[in-house]
Amino acid sequence: MDDEAFNISLRKFLKMVGVSSQREIEQAVAKALQEGAISGSESFPAKMTLEIPGVKLQVHFDGEIRLQ
C-alpha cells in the first residue's frame, strides 16, 4: 500500500463530502425558510452514514444542526 496516495485520496474524498454536504444543507435550509416551512430558530437532528463495501465498513454518525 502506498500510504501517501491513500492519505491524499482519503483527504480529497473527505473534503468533497464536507463541502458538498454543507452546500446541500445550506440550500435545504434556505428553501425551507423561503417557503415558510421553518422559522429559523429550530434545531434538527442529523445523521450521516459512511459506507465502504470493499472493506466492510458501515458507520453511522449522529449530530445536530442548530439554526440559532
PDB file of N, CA and C in Angstrom:
ATOM      1  N   MET A   1       0.852  -1.180   0.000  1.00  0.00           N
ATOM      2  CA  MET A   1       0.000   0.000   0.000  1.00  0.00           C
ATOM      3  C   MET A   1       0.895   1.240   0.000  1.00  0.00           C
ATOM      4  N   ASP A   2       0.504   2.211  -0.778  1.00  0.00           N
ATOM      5  CA  ASP A   2       1.207   3.492  -0.815  1.00  0.00           C
ATOM      6  C   ASP A   2       0.498   4.434   0.162  1.00  0.00           C
ATOM      7  N   ASP A   3       1.100   4.626   1.336  1.00  0.00           N
ATOM      8  CA  ASP A   3       0.475   5.435   2.382  1.00  0.00           C
ATOM      9  C   ASP A   3       0.191   6.864   1.927  1.00  0.00           C
ATOM     10  N   GLU A   4       1.094   7.433   1.161  1.00  0.00           N
ATOM     11  CA  GLU A   4       0.898   8.813   0.712  1.00  0.00           C
ATOM     12  C   GLU A   4      -0.289   8.918  -0.242  1.00  0.00           C
ATOM     13  N   ALA A   5      -0.385   8.005  -1.196  1.00  0.00           N
ATOM     14  CA  ALA A   5      -1.512   8.012  -2.142  1.00  0.00           C
ATOM     15  C   ALA A   5      -2.827   7.790  -1.393  1.00  0.00           C
ATOM     16  N   PHE A   6      -2.813   6.880  -0.434  1.00  0.00           N
ATOM     17  CA  PHE A   6      -4.011   6.606   0.373  1.00  0.00           C
ATOM     18  C   PHE A   6      -4.429   7.857   1.137  1.00  0.00           C
ATOM     19  N   ASN A   7      -3.472   8.488   1.810  1.00  0.00           N
ATOM     20  CA  ASN A   7      -3.761   9.670   2.603  1.00  0.00           C
ATOM     21  C   ASN A   7      -4.304  10.800   1.740  1.00  0.00           C
ATOM     22  N   ILE A   8      -3.704  11.026   0.585  1.00  0.00           N
ATOM     23  CA  ILE A   8      -4.157  12.084  -0.321  1.00  0.00           C
ATOM     24  C   ILE A   8      -5.573  11.802  -0.822  1.00  0.00           C
ATOM     25  N   SER A   9      -5.842  10.563  -1.231  1.00  0.00           N
ATOM     26  CA  SER A   9      -7.181  10.250  -1.749  1.00  0.00           C
ATOM     27  C   SER A   9      -8.222  10.310  -0.641  1.00  0.00           C
ATOM     28  N   LEU A  10      -7.852   9.921   0.565  1.00  0.00           N
ATOM     29  CA  LEU A  10      -8.771   9.978   1.702  1.00  0.00           C
ATOM     30  C   LEU A  10      -9.120  11.431   2.029  1.00  0.00           C
ATOM     31  N   ARG A  11      -8.116  12.289   2.098  1.00  0.00           N
ATOM     32  CA  ARG A  11      -8.371  13.714   2.373  1.00  0.00           C
ATOM     33  C   ARG A  11      -9.204  14.358   1.269  1.00  0.00           C
ATOM     34  N   LYS A  12      -8.939  13.989   0.017  1.00  0.00           N
ATOM     35  CA  LYS A  12      -9.701  14.526  -1.115  1.00  0.00           C
ATOM     36  C   LYS A  12     -11.173  14.100  -1.022  1.00  0.00           C
ATOM     37  N   PHE A  13     -11.410  12.842  -0.683  1.00  0.00           N
ATOM     38  CA  PHE A  13     -12.773  12.346  -0.527  1.00  0.00           C
ATOM     39  C   PHE A  13     -13.493  13.073   0.610  1.00  0.00           C
ATOM     40  N   LEU A  14     -12.831  13.189   1.768  1.00  0.00           N
ATOM     41  CA  LEU A  14     -13.458  13.841   2.922  1.00  0.00           C
ATOM     42  C   LEU A  14     -13.743  15.316   2.659  1.00  0.00           C
ATOM     43  N   LYS A  15     -12.857  15.988   1.931  1.00  0.00           N
ATOM     44  CA  LYS A  15     -13.096  17.386   1.577  1.00  0.00           C
ATOM     45  C   LYS A  15     -14.313  17.505   0.671  1.00  0.00           C
ATOM     46  N   MET A  16     -14.410  16.627  -0.330  1.00  0.00           N
ATOM     47  CA  MET A  16     -15.554  16.638  -1.242  1.00  0.00           C
ATOM     48  C   MET A  16     -16.853  16.392  -0.475  1.00  0.00           C
ATOM     49  N   VAL A  17     -16.841  15.425   0.432  1.00  0.00           N
ATOM     50  CA  VAL A  17     -18.035  15.120   1.226  1.00  0.00           C
ATOM     51  C   VAL A  17     -18.417  16.312   2.095  1.00  0.00           C
ATOM     52  N   GLY A  18     -17.417  16.913   2.751  1.00  0.00           N
ATOM     53  CA  GLY A  18     -17.692  18.045   3.631  1.00  0.00           C
ATOM     54  C   GLY A  18     -18.257  19.237   2.888  1.00  0.00           C
ATOM     55  N   VAL A  19     -17.632  19.605   1.792  1.00  0.00           N
ATOM     56  CA  VAL A  19     -18.070  20.767   1.019  1.00  0.00           C
ATOM     57  C   VAL A  19     -19.448  20.510   0.401  1.00  0.00           C
ATOM     58  N   SER A  20     -19.628  19.352  -0.185  1.00  0.00           N
ATOM     59  CA  SER A  20     -20.908  19.028  -0.831  1.00  0.00           C
ATOM     60  C   SER A  20     -22.037  18.931   0.191  1.00  0.00           C
ATOM     61  N   SER A  21     -21.767  18.313   1.328  1.00  0.00           N
ATOM     62  CA  SER A  21     -22.781  18.185   2.378  1.00  0.00           C
ATOM     63  C   SER A  21     -23.199  19.543   2.902  1.00  0.00           C
ATOM     64  N   GLN A  22     -22.230  20.409   3.147  1.00  0.00           N
ATOM     65  CA  GLN A  22     -22.546  21.741   3.648  1.00  0.00           C
ATOM     66  C   GLN A  22     -23.412  22.502   2.657  1.00  0.00           C
ATOM     67  N   ARG A  23     -23.070  22.430   1.386  1.00  0.00           N
ATOM     68  CA  ARG A  23     -23.845  23.133   0.353  1.00  0.00           C
ATOM     69  C   ARG A  23     -25.284  22.612   0.310  1.00  0.00           C
ATOM     70  N   GLU A  24     -25.461  21.295   0.357  1.00  0.00           N
ATOM     71  CA  GLU A  24     -26.803  20.709   0.317  1.00  0.00           C
ATOM     72  C   GLU A  24     -27.631  21.128   1.531  1.00  0.00           C
ATOM     73  N   ILE A  25     -27.016  21.144   2.706  1.00  0.00           N
ATOM     74  CA  ILE A  25     -27.733  21.545   3.925  1.00  0.00           C
ATOM     75  C   ILE A  25     -28.114  23.011   3.842  1.00  0.00           C
ATOM     76  N   GLU A  26     -27.188  23.864   3.425  1.00  0.00           N
ATOM     77  CA  GLU A  26     -27.482  25.296   3.298  1.00  0.00           C
ATOM     78  C   GLU A  26     -28.626  25.544   2.325  1.00  0.00           C
ATOM     79  N   GLN A  27     -28.628  24.843   1.198  1.00  0.00           N
ATOM     80  CA  GLN A  27     -29.698  25.020   0.210  1.00  0.00           C
ATOM     81  C   GLN A  27     -31.037  24.543   0.745  1.00  0.00           C
ATOM     82  N   ALA A  28     -31.039  23.425   1.459  1.00  0.00           N
ATOM     83  CA  ALA A  28     -32.293  22.892   2.009  1.00  0.00           C
ATOM     84  C   ALA A  28     -32.861  23.836   3.063  1.00  0.00           C
ATOM     85  N   VAL A  29     -32.002  24.382   3.914  1.00  0.00           N
ATOM     86  CA  VAL A  29     -32.454  25.313   4.948  1.00  0.00           C
ATOM     87  C   VAL A  29     -32.965  26.605   4.300  1.00  0.00           C
ATOM     88  N   ALA A  30     -32.256  27.119   3.328  1.00  0.00           N
ATOM     89  CA  ALA A  30     -32.691  28.344   2.652  1.00  0.00           C
ATOM     90  C   ALA A  30     -34.053  28.150   1.990  1.00  0.00           C
ATOM     91  N   LYS A  31     -34.247  27.010   1.356  1.00  0.00           N
ATOM     92  CA  LYS A  31     -35.526  26.731   0.699  1.00  0.00           C
ATOM     93  C   LYS A  31     -36.653  26.616   1.723  1.00  0.00           C
ATOM     94  N   ALA A  32     -36.387  25.928   2.819  1.00  0.00           N
ATOM     95  CA  ALA A  32     -37.407  25.776   3.864  1.00  0.00           C
ATOM     96  C   ALA A  32     -37.758  27.132   4.478  1.00  0.00           C
ATOM     97  N   LEU A  33     -36.765  27.986   4.674  1.00  0.00           N
ATOM     98  CA  LEU A  33     -37.031  29.333   5.187  1.00  0.00           C
ATOM     99  C   LEU A  33     -37.864  30.139   4.196  1.00  0.00           C
ATOM    100  N   GLN A  34     -37.497  30.078   2.926  1.00  0.00           N
ATOM    101  CA  GLN A  34     -38.203  30.822   1.880  1.00  0.00           C
ATOM    102  C   GLN A  34     -39.658  30.377   1.773  1.00  0.00           C
ATOM    103  N   GLU A  35     -39.892  29.093   1.929  1.00  0.00           N
ATOM    104  CA  GLU A  35     -41.250  28.539   1.826  1.00  0.00           C
ATOM    105  C   GLU A  35     -42.045  28.702   3.120  1.00  0.00           C
ATOM    106  N   GLY A  36     -41.393  29.177   4.161  1.00  0.00           N
ATOM    107  CA  GLY A  36     -42.080  29.356   5.437  1.00  0.00           C
ATOM    108  C   GLY A  36     -42.267  28.057   6.209  1.00  0.00           C
ATOM    109  N   ALA A  37     -41.572  27.018   5.809  1.00  0.00           N
ATOM    110  CA  ALA A  37     -41.714  25.720   6.472  1.00  0.00           C
ATOM    111  C   ALA A  37     -41.003  25.688   7.827  1.00  0.00           C
ATOM    112  N   ILE A  38     -40.031  26.575   8.006  1.00  0.00           N
ATOM    113  CA  ILE A  38     -39.330  26.698   9.278  1.00  0.00           C
ATOM    114  C   ILE A  38     -39.177  28.179   9.601  1.00  0.00           C
ATOM    115  N   SER A  39     -38.951  28.476  10.876  1.00  0.00           N
ATOM    116  CA  SER A  39     -38.856  29.883  11.288  1.00  0.00           C
ATOM    117  C   SER A  39     -37.424  30.397  11.336  1.00  0.00           C
ATOM    118  N   GLY A  40     -36.470  29.498  11.444  1.00  0.00           N
ATOM    119  CA  GLY A  40     -35.076  29.909  11.517  1.00  0.00           C
ATOM    120  C   GLY A  40     -34.481  29.811  12.903  1.00  0.00           C
ATOM    121  N   SER A  41     -35.262  29.298  13.847  1.00  0.00           N
ATOM    122  CA  SER A  41     -34.750  29.152  15.214  1.00  0.00           C
ATOM    123  C   SER A  41     -34.681  27.683  15.642  1.00  0.00           C
ATOM    124  N   GLU A  42     -34.934  26.784  14.710  1.00  0.00           N
ATOM    125  CA  GLU A  42     -35.002  25.357  15.028  1.00  0.00           C
ATOM    126  C   GLU A  42     -33.618  24.718  15.180  1.00  0.00           C
ATOM    127  N   SER A  43     -33.673  23.522  15.723  1.00  0.00           N
ATOM    128  CA  SER A  43     -32.532  22.601  15.725  1.00  0.00           C
ATOM    129  C   SER A  43     -33.034  21.310  15.087  1.00  0.00           C
ATOM    130  N   PHE A  44     -32.183  20.678  14.306  1.00  0.00           N
ATOM    131  CA  PHE A  44     -32.584  19.461  13.613  1.00  0.00           C
ATOM    132  C   PHE A  44     -31.592  18.338  13.902  1.00  0.00           C
ATOM    133  N   PRO A  45     -32.092  17.161  14.265  1.00  0.00           N
ATOM    134  CA  PRO A  45     -31.181  16.023  14.365  1.00  0.00           C
ATOM    135  C   PRO A  45     -30.672  15.690  12.969  1.00  0.00           C
ATOM    136  N   ALA A  46     -29.425  15.283  12.888  1.00  0.00           N
ATOM    137  CA  ALA A  46     -28.824  14.950  11.596  1.00  0.00           C
ATOM    138  C   ALA A  46     -28.108  13.614  11.708  1.00  0.00           C
ATOM    139  N   LYS A  47     -28.154  12.845  10.629  1.00  0.00           N
ATOM    140  CA  LYS A  47     -27.494  11.545  10.587  1.00  0.00           C
ATOM    141  C   LYS A  47     -26.663  11.446   9.321  1.00  0.00           C
ATOM    142  N   MET A  48     -25.543  10.771   9.427  1.00  0.00           N
ATOM    143  CA  MET A  48     -24.673  10.542   8.270  1.00  0.00           C
ATOM    144  C   MET A  48     -24.211   9.096   8.350  1.00  0.00           C
ATOM    145  N   THR A  49     -24.203   8.428   7.217  1.00  0.00           N
ATOM    146  CA  THR A  49     -23.697   7.062   7.153  1.00  0.00           C
ATOM    147  C   THR A  49     -22.559   7.014   6.154  1.00  0.00           C
ATOM    148  N   LEU A  50     -21.459   6.425   6.580  1.00  0.00           N
ATOM    149  CA  LEU A  50     -20.294   6.233   5.727  1.00  0.00           C
ATOM    150  C   LEU A  50     -20.195   4.747   5.405  1.00  0.00           C
ATOM    151  N   GLU A  51     -20.162   4.436   4.130  1.00  0.00           N
ATOM    152  CA  GLU A  51     -20.066   3.037   3.708  1.00  0.00           C
ATOM    153  C   GLU A  51     -18.916   2.859   2.729  1.00  0.00           C
ATOM    154  N   ILE A  52     -18.115   1.851   2.980  1.00  0.00           N
ATOM    155  CA  ILE A  52     -17.078   1.419   2.045  1.00  0.00           C
ATOM    156  C   ILE A  52     -17.193  -0.100   1.976  1.00  0.00           C
ATOM    157  N   PRO A  53     -18.027  -0.598   1.063  1.00  0.00           N
ATOM    158  CA  PRO A  53     -18.283  -2.037   0.994  1.00  0.00           C
ATOM    159  C   PRO A  53     -17.029  -2.899   0.819  1.00  0.00           C
ATOM    160  N   GLY A  54     -16.037  -2.387   0.105  1.00  0.00           N
ATOM    161  CA  GLY A  54     -14.835  -3.169  -0.160  1.00  0.00           C
ATOM    162  C   GLY A  54     -14.055  -3.561   1.081  1.00  0.00           C
ATOM    163  N   VAL A  55     -14.216  -2.785   2.158  1.00  0.00           N
ATOM    164  CA  VAL A  55     -13.542  -3.123   3.417  1.00  0.00           C
ATOM    165  C   VAL A  55     -14.563  -3.386   4.531  1.00  0.00           C
ATOM    166  N   LYS A  56     -15.809  -3.600   4.125  1.00  0.00           N
ATOM    167  CA  LYS A  56     -16.902  -3.932   5.043  1.00  0.00           C
ATOM    168  C   LYS A  56     -17.051  -2.893   6.154  1.00  0.00           C
ATOM    169  N   LEU A  57     -17.014  -1.620   5.755  1.00  0.00           N
ATOM    170  CA  LEU A  57     -17.183  -0.525   6.705  1.00  0.00           C
ATOM    171  C   LEU A  57     -18.557   0.089   6.532  1.00  0.00           C
ATOM    172  N   GLN A  58     -19.251   0.209   7.617  1.00  0.00           N
ATOM    173  CA  GLN A  58     -20.506   0.962   7.656  1.00  0.00           C
ATOM    174  C   GLN A  58     -20.581   1.582   9.051  1.00  0.00           C
ATOM    175  N   VAL A  59     -20.490   2.898   9.113  1.00  0.00           N
ATOM    176  CA  VAL A  59     -20.510   3.595  10.393  1.00  0.00           C
ATOM    177  C   VAL A  59     -21.492   4.755  10.308  1.00  0.00           C
ATOM    178  N   HIS A  60     -22.212   4.955  11.397  1.00  0.00           N
ATOM    179  CA  HIS A  60     -23.239   5.999  11.456  1.00  0.00           C
ATOM    180  C   HIS A  60     -22.783   7.112  12.399  1.00  0.00           C
ATOM    181  N   PHE A  61     -23.063   8.334  12.006  1.00  0.00           N
ATOM    182  CA  PHE A  61     -22.750   9.492  12.827  1.00  0.00           C
ATOM    183  C   PHE A  61     -24.042  10.251  13.100  1.00  0.00           C
ATOM    184  N   ASP A  62     -24.252  10.637  14.330  1.00  0.00           N
ATOM    185  CA  ASP A  62     -25.437  11.397  14.718  1.00  0.00           C
ATOM    186  C   ASP A  62     -24.989  12.751  15.258  1.00  0.00           C
ATOM    187  N   GLY A  63     -25.757  13.769  14.937  1.00  0.00           N
ATOM    188  CA  GLY A  63     -25.433  15.108  15.428  1.00  0.00           C
ATOM    189  C   GLY A  63     -26.650  16.001  15.378  1.00  0.00           C
ATOM    190  N   GLU A  64     -26.407  17.276  15.420  1.00  0.00           N
ATOM    191  CA  GLU A  64     -27.485  18.251  15.433  1.00  0.00           C
ATOM    192  C   GLU A  64     -27.062  19.472  14.617  1.00  0.00           C
ATOM    193  N   ILE A  65     -28.004  19.996  13.851  1.00  0.00           N
ATOM    194  CA  ILE A  65     -27.811  21.233  13.102  1.00  0.00           C
ATOM    195  C   ILE A  65     -28.712  22.272  13.780  1.00  0.00           C
ATOM    196  N   ARG A  66     -28.085  23.320  14.314  1.00  0.00           N
ATOM    197  CA  ARG A  66     -28.834  24.382  15.003  1.00  0.00           C
ATOM    198  C   ARG A  66     -28.823  25.637  14.138  1.00  0.00           C
ATOM    199  N   LEU A  67     -29.974  26.266  14.026  1.00  0.00           N
ATOM    200  CA  LEU A  67     -30.068  27.481  13.230  1.00  0.00           C
ATOM    201  C   LEU A  67     -29.832  28.735  14.069  1.00  0.00           C
ATOM    202  N   GLN A  68     -29.848  28.591  15.377  1.00  0.00           N
ATOM    203  CA  GLN A  68     -29.537  29.715  16.277  1.00  0.00           C
ATOM    204  C   GLN A  68     -28.679  29.231  17.399  1.00  0.00           C
TER     205      GLN A  68
END
